[in-house]
């Protein structure tokens, strides 16, 4: 699970902890790293279980793990098409949804800055209305 340095107590959700503790996903280590990265971006980000999977939110749902994908880690950015900026790692052509995929833990670590940038862009965009 995320280290205490990277995840604030206000962000930790026991239901999400349970979800990860009970997960048998073949890339669980990469999923846990994605979780750690997302929560470390901004202290206002919260996590919950929605649609049976971890979902990260700040002034709306940012991204959910797509845990049914077993050969890679898949993230679904609910309104990814609207996130300000150019984010080459966001894939898809639907009106709103974009996905991001990682093949393994080393790819998550290599692309950490890209994931952080996307989540930070969301938080900056959504905090403009506060």
C-alpha atoms as a PDB file:
ATOM      1  CA  UNK A   1       0.000   0.000   0.000  1.00  0.00           C
ATOM      2  CA  UNK A   2       1.107   3.627  -0.360  1.00  0.00           C
ATOM      3  CA  UNK A   3       3.660   4.881   2.117  1.00  0.00           C
ATOM      4  CA  UNK A   4       2.657   7.350   4.802  1.00  0.00           C
ATOM      5  CA  UNK A   5       4.802   9.959   3.044  1.00  0.00           C
ATOM      6  CA  UNK A   6       2.789   9.733  -0.158  1.00  0.00           C
ATOM      7  CA  UNK A   7      -0.747   9.315   1.144  1.00  0.00           C
ATOM      8  CA  UNK A   8      -2.341  11.571   3.712  1.00  0.00           C
ATOM      9  CA  UNK A   9      -4.573  10.092   6.419  1.00  0.00           C
ATOM     10  CA  UNK A  10      -7.495  12.180   5.157  1.00  0.00           C
ATOM     11  CA  UNK A  11      -7.200  10.480   1.776  1.00  0.00           C
ATOM     12  CA  UNK A  12      -6.986   6.872   2.959  1.00  0.00           C
ATOM     13  CA  UNK A  13     -10.243   5.011   2.601  1.00  0.00           C
ATOM     14  CA  UNK A  14     -10.647   1.682   4.455  1.00  0.00           C
ATOM     15  CA  UNK A  15     -12.907   0.343   1.680  1.00  0.00           C
ATOM     16  CA  UNK A  16     -10.183   0.991  -0.883  1.00  0.00           C
ATOM     17  CA  UNK A  17      -7.591  -0.605   1.401  1.00  0.00           C
ATOM     18  CA  UNK A  18      -9.841  -3.682   1.632  1.00  0.00           C
ATOM     19  CA  UNK A  19     -10.284  -3.733  -2.141  1.00  0.00           C
ATOM     20  CA  UNK A  20      -6.521  -3.819  -2.681  1.00  0.00           C
ATOM     21  CA  UNK A  21      -5.966  -6.324   0.133  1.00  0.00           C
ATOM     22  CA  UNK A  22      -8.489  -8.677  -1.499  1.00  0.00           C
ATOM     23  CA  UNK A  23      -7.346  -8.121  -5.072  1.00  0.00           C
ATOM     24  CA  UNK A  24      -5.675 -10.948  -6.950  1.00  0.00           C
ATOM     25  CA  UNK A  25      -4.956  -8.840 -10.044  1.00  0.00           C
ATOM     26  CA  UNK A  26      -1.741 -10.044 -11.734  1.00  0.00           C
ATOM     27  CA  UNK A  27      -0.454  -6.437 -11.842  1.00  0.00           C
ATOM     28  CA  UNK A  28      -1.533  -5.454  -8.337  1.00  0.00           C
ATOM     29  CA  UNK A  29       1.880  -3.888  -7.629  1.00  0.00           C
ATOM     30  CA  UNK A  30       1.420  -1.555 -10.612  1.00  0.00           C
ATOM     31  CA  UNK A  31      -2.147  -0.706  -9.534  1.00  0.00           C
ATOM     32  CA  UNK A  32      -0.916   0.145  -6.031  1.00  0.00           C
ATOM     33  CA  UNK A  33       1.763   2.394  -7.514  1.00  0.00           C
ATOM     34  CA  UNK A  34      -0.841   4.184  -9.670  1.00  0.00           C
ATOM     35  CA  UNK A  35      -2.906   4.757  -6.528  1.00  0.00           C
ATOM     36  CA  UNK A  36       0.095   6.150  -4.670  1.00  0.00           C
ATOM     37  CA  UNK A  37       0.982   8.509  -7.521  1.00  0.00           C
ATOM     38  CA  UNK A  38      -2.564   9.837  -7.918  1.00  0.00           C
ATOM     39  CA  UNK A  39      -3.064  10.476  -4.196  1.00  0.00           C
ATOM     40  CA  UNK A  40       0.321  12.196  -3.898  1.00  0.00           C
ATOM     41  CA  UNK A  41      -0.547  14.782  -6.556  1.00  0.00           C
ATOM     42  CA  UNK A  42      -2.931  16.852  -4.424  1.00  0.00           C
ATOM     43  CA  UNK A  43      -4.186  16.525  -0.830  1.00  0.00           C
ATOM     44  CA  UNK A  44      -7.739  17.302  -1.971  1.00  0.00           C
ATOM     45  CA  UNK A  45      -8.001  14.072  -3.984  1.00  0.00           C
ATOM     46  CA  UNK A  46     -10.187  11.460  -2.310  1.00  0.00           C
ATOM     47  CA  UNK A  47     -10.621   7.799  -3.097  1.00  0.00           C
ATOM     48  CA  UNK A  48     -13.681   5.597  -2.892  1.00  0.00           C
ATOM     49  CA  UNK A  49     -15.114   2.426  -4.351  1.00  0.00           C
ATOM     50  CA  UNK A  50     -17.532   3.191  -7.190  1.00  0.00           C
ATOM     51  CA  UNK A  51     -18.685   0.725  -9.802  1.00  0.00           C
ATOM     52  CA  UNK A  52     -16.846  -1.947  -7.792  1.00  0.00           C
ATOM     53  CA  UNK A  53     -13.401  -0.397  -8.301  1.00  0.00           C
ATOM     54  CA  UNK A  54     -11.177   2.333  -6.829  1.00  0.00           C
ATOM     55  CA  UNK A  55     -12.158   5.777  -8.065  1.00  0.00           C
ATOM     56  CA  UNK A  56     -10.275   9.003  -7.396  1.00  0.00           C
ATOM     57  CA  UNK A  57     -12.156  12.274  -7.118  1.00  0.00           C
ATOM     58  CA  UNK A  58     -11.781  15.994  -6.630  1.00  0.00           C
ATOM     59  CA  UNK A  59     -14.754  18.155  -7.540  1.00  0.00           C
ATOM     60  CA  UNK A  60     -15.979  15.226  -9.639  1.00  0.00           C
ATOM     61  CA  UNK A  61     -14.691  11.809 -10.568  1.00  0.00           C
ATOM     62  CA  UNK A  62     -11.225  12.031 -12.099  1.00  0.00           C
ATOM     63  CA  UNK A  63     -10.265   8.450 -12.810  1.00  0.00           C
ATOM     64  CA  UNK A  64     -11.176   4.841 -12.002  1.00  0.00           C
ATOM     65  CA  UNK A  65      -9.151   1.658 -12.253  1.00  0.00           C
ATOM     66  CA  UNK A  66     -10.574  -0.702 -14.844  1.00  0.00           C
ATOM     67  CA  UNK A  67      -9.816  -3.851 -12.907  1.00  0.00           C
ATOM     68  CA  UNK A  68     -11.343  -6.217 -15.476  1.00  0.00           C
ATOM     69  CA  UNK A  69      -8.256  -5.722 -17.672  1.00  0.00           C
ATOM     70  CA  UNK A  70      -5.786  -8.415 -16.565  1.00  0.00           C
ATOM     71  CA  UNK A  71      -2.855  -8.031 -18.983  1.00  0.00           C
ATOM     72  CA  UNK A  72      -2.267  -4.346 -18.218  1.00  0.00           C
ATOM     73  CA  UNK A  73      -3.335  -1.626 -15.793  1.00  0.00           C
ATOM     74  CA  UNK A  74      -6.112   0.433 -17.313  1.00  0.00           C
ATOM     75  CA  UNK A  75      -7.341   3.784 -16.058  1.00  0.00           C
ATOM     76  CA  UNK A  76     -10.559   5.413 -17.208  1.00  0.00           C
ATOM     77  CA  UNK A  77     -10.576   9.197 -17.009  1.00  0.00           C
ATOM     78  CA  UNK A  78     -14.292   9.940 -16.869  1.00  0.00           C
ATOM     79  CA  UNK A  79     -13.988  13.367 -18.494  1.00  0.00           C
ATOM     80  CA  UNK A  80     -10.527  12.932 -19.947  1.00  0.00           C
ATOM     81  CA  UNK A  81     -11.361  14.735 -23.184  1.00  0.00           C
ATOM     82  CA  UNK A  82     -12.056  17.890 -21.171  1.00  0.00           C
ATOM     83  CA  UNK A  83      -8.863  17.919 -19.092  1.00  0.00           C
ATOM     84  CA  UNK A  84      -6.944  21.039 -20.139  1.00  0.00           C
ATOM     85  CA  UNK A  85      -3.667  20.584 -21.976  1.00  0.00           C
ATOM     86  CA  UNK A  86      -2.235  18.044 -24.374  1.00  0.00           C
ATOM     87  CA  UNK A  87      -1.871  14.595 -22.855  1.00  0.00           C
ATOM     88  CA  UNK A  88      -0.591  12.102 -25.400  1.00  0.00           C
ATOM     89  CA  UNK A  89      -1.063   9.230 -22.953  1.00  0.00           C
ATOM     90  CA  UNK A  90      -4.830   9.716 -22.834  1.00  0.00           C
ATOM     91  CA  UNK A  91      -6.313   7.447 -25.474  1.00  0.00           C
ATOM     92  CA  UNK A  92      -9.742   7.325 -27.066  1.00  0.00           C
ATOM     93  CA  UNK A  93     -12.084   9.246 -29.279  1.00  0.00           C
ATOM     94  CA  UNK A  94     -15.388   9.254 -27.387  1.00  0.00           C
ATOM     95  CA  UNK A  95     -16.998  12.532 -26.437  1.00  0.00           C
ATOM     96  CA  UNK A  96     -15.702  12.464 -22.837  1.00  0.00           C
ATOM     97  CA  UNK A  97     -13.910   9.307 -21.711  1.00  0.00           C
ATOM     98  CA  UNK A  98     -10.198   8.718 -22.184  1.00  0.00           C
ATOM     99  CA  UNK A  99      -8.092   5.779 -21.032  1.00  0.00           C
ATOM    100  CA  UNK A 100      -4.484   5.330 -20.025  1.00  0.00           C
ATOM    101  CA  UNK A 101      -2.739   1.956 -20.000  1.00  0.00           C
ATOM    102  CA  UNK A 102       0.398   0.597 -18.369  1.00  0.00           C
ATOM    103  CA  UNK A 103       1.897  -2.800 -19.151  1.00  0.00           C
ATOM    104  CA  UNK A 104       3.700  -3.244 -15.839  1.00  0.00           C
ATOM    105  CA  UNK A 105       5.133  -1.541 -12.761  1.00  0.00           C
ATOM    106  CA  UNK A 106       8.238  -0.306 -14.559  1.00  0.00           C
ATOM    107  CA  UNK A 107       6.072   1.477 -17.135  1.00  0.00           C
ATOM    108  CA  UNK A 108       4.041   3.125 -14.363  1.00  0.00           C
ATOM    109  CA  UNK A 109       7.282   4.344 -12.815  1.00  0.00           C
ATOM    110  CA  UNK A 110       8.667   5.575 -16.155  1.00  0.00           C
ATOM    111  CA  UNK A 111       5.448   7.455 -16.947  1.00  0.00           C
ATOM    112  CA  UNK A 112       4.861   8.794 -13.432  1.00  0.00           C
ATOM    113  CA  UNK A 113       5.325  12.455 -14.463  1.00  0.00           C
ATOM    114  CA  UNK A 114       2.802  12.038 -17.277  1.00  0.00           C
ATOM    115  CA  UNK A 115       0.168  10.638 -14.899  1.00  0.00           C
ATOM    116  CA  UNK A 116       0.922  13.340 -12.342  1.00  0.00           C
ATOM    117  CA  UNK A 117       0.570  16.028 -15.005  1.00  0.00           C
ATOM    118  CA  UNK A 118      -2.859  14.781 -16.085  1.00  0.00           C
ATOM    119  CA  UNK A 119      -4.173  14.590 -12.511  1.00  0.00           C
ATOM    120  CA  UNK A 120      -2.663  17.994 -11.666  1.00  0.00           C
ATOM    121  CA  UNK A 121      -4.309  19.528 -14.747  1.00  0.00           C
ATOM    122  CA  UNK A 122      -7.668  18.203 -13.505  1.00  0.00           C
ATOM    123  CA  UNK A 123      -7.135  19.633 -10.014  1.00  0.00           C
ATOM    124  CA  UNK A 124      -6.051  23.027 -11.346  1.00  0.00           C
ATOM    125  CA  UNK A 125      -9.032  23.136 -13.701  1.00  0.00           C
ATOM    126  CA  UNK A 126     -11.512  22.084 -11.030  1.00  0.00           C
ATOM    127  CA  UNK A 127     -10.107  24.407  -8.344  1.00  0.00           C
ATOM    128  CA  UNK A 128     -10.597  27.450 -10.608  1.00  0.00           C
ATOM    129  CA  UNK A 129     -14.282  27.434  -9.632  1.00  0.00           C
ATOM    130  CA  UNK A 130     -13.674  27.348  -5.868  1.00  0.00           C
END
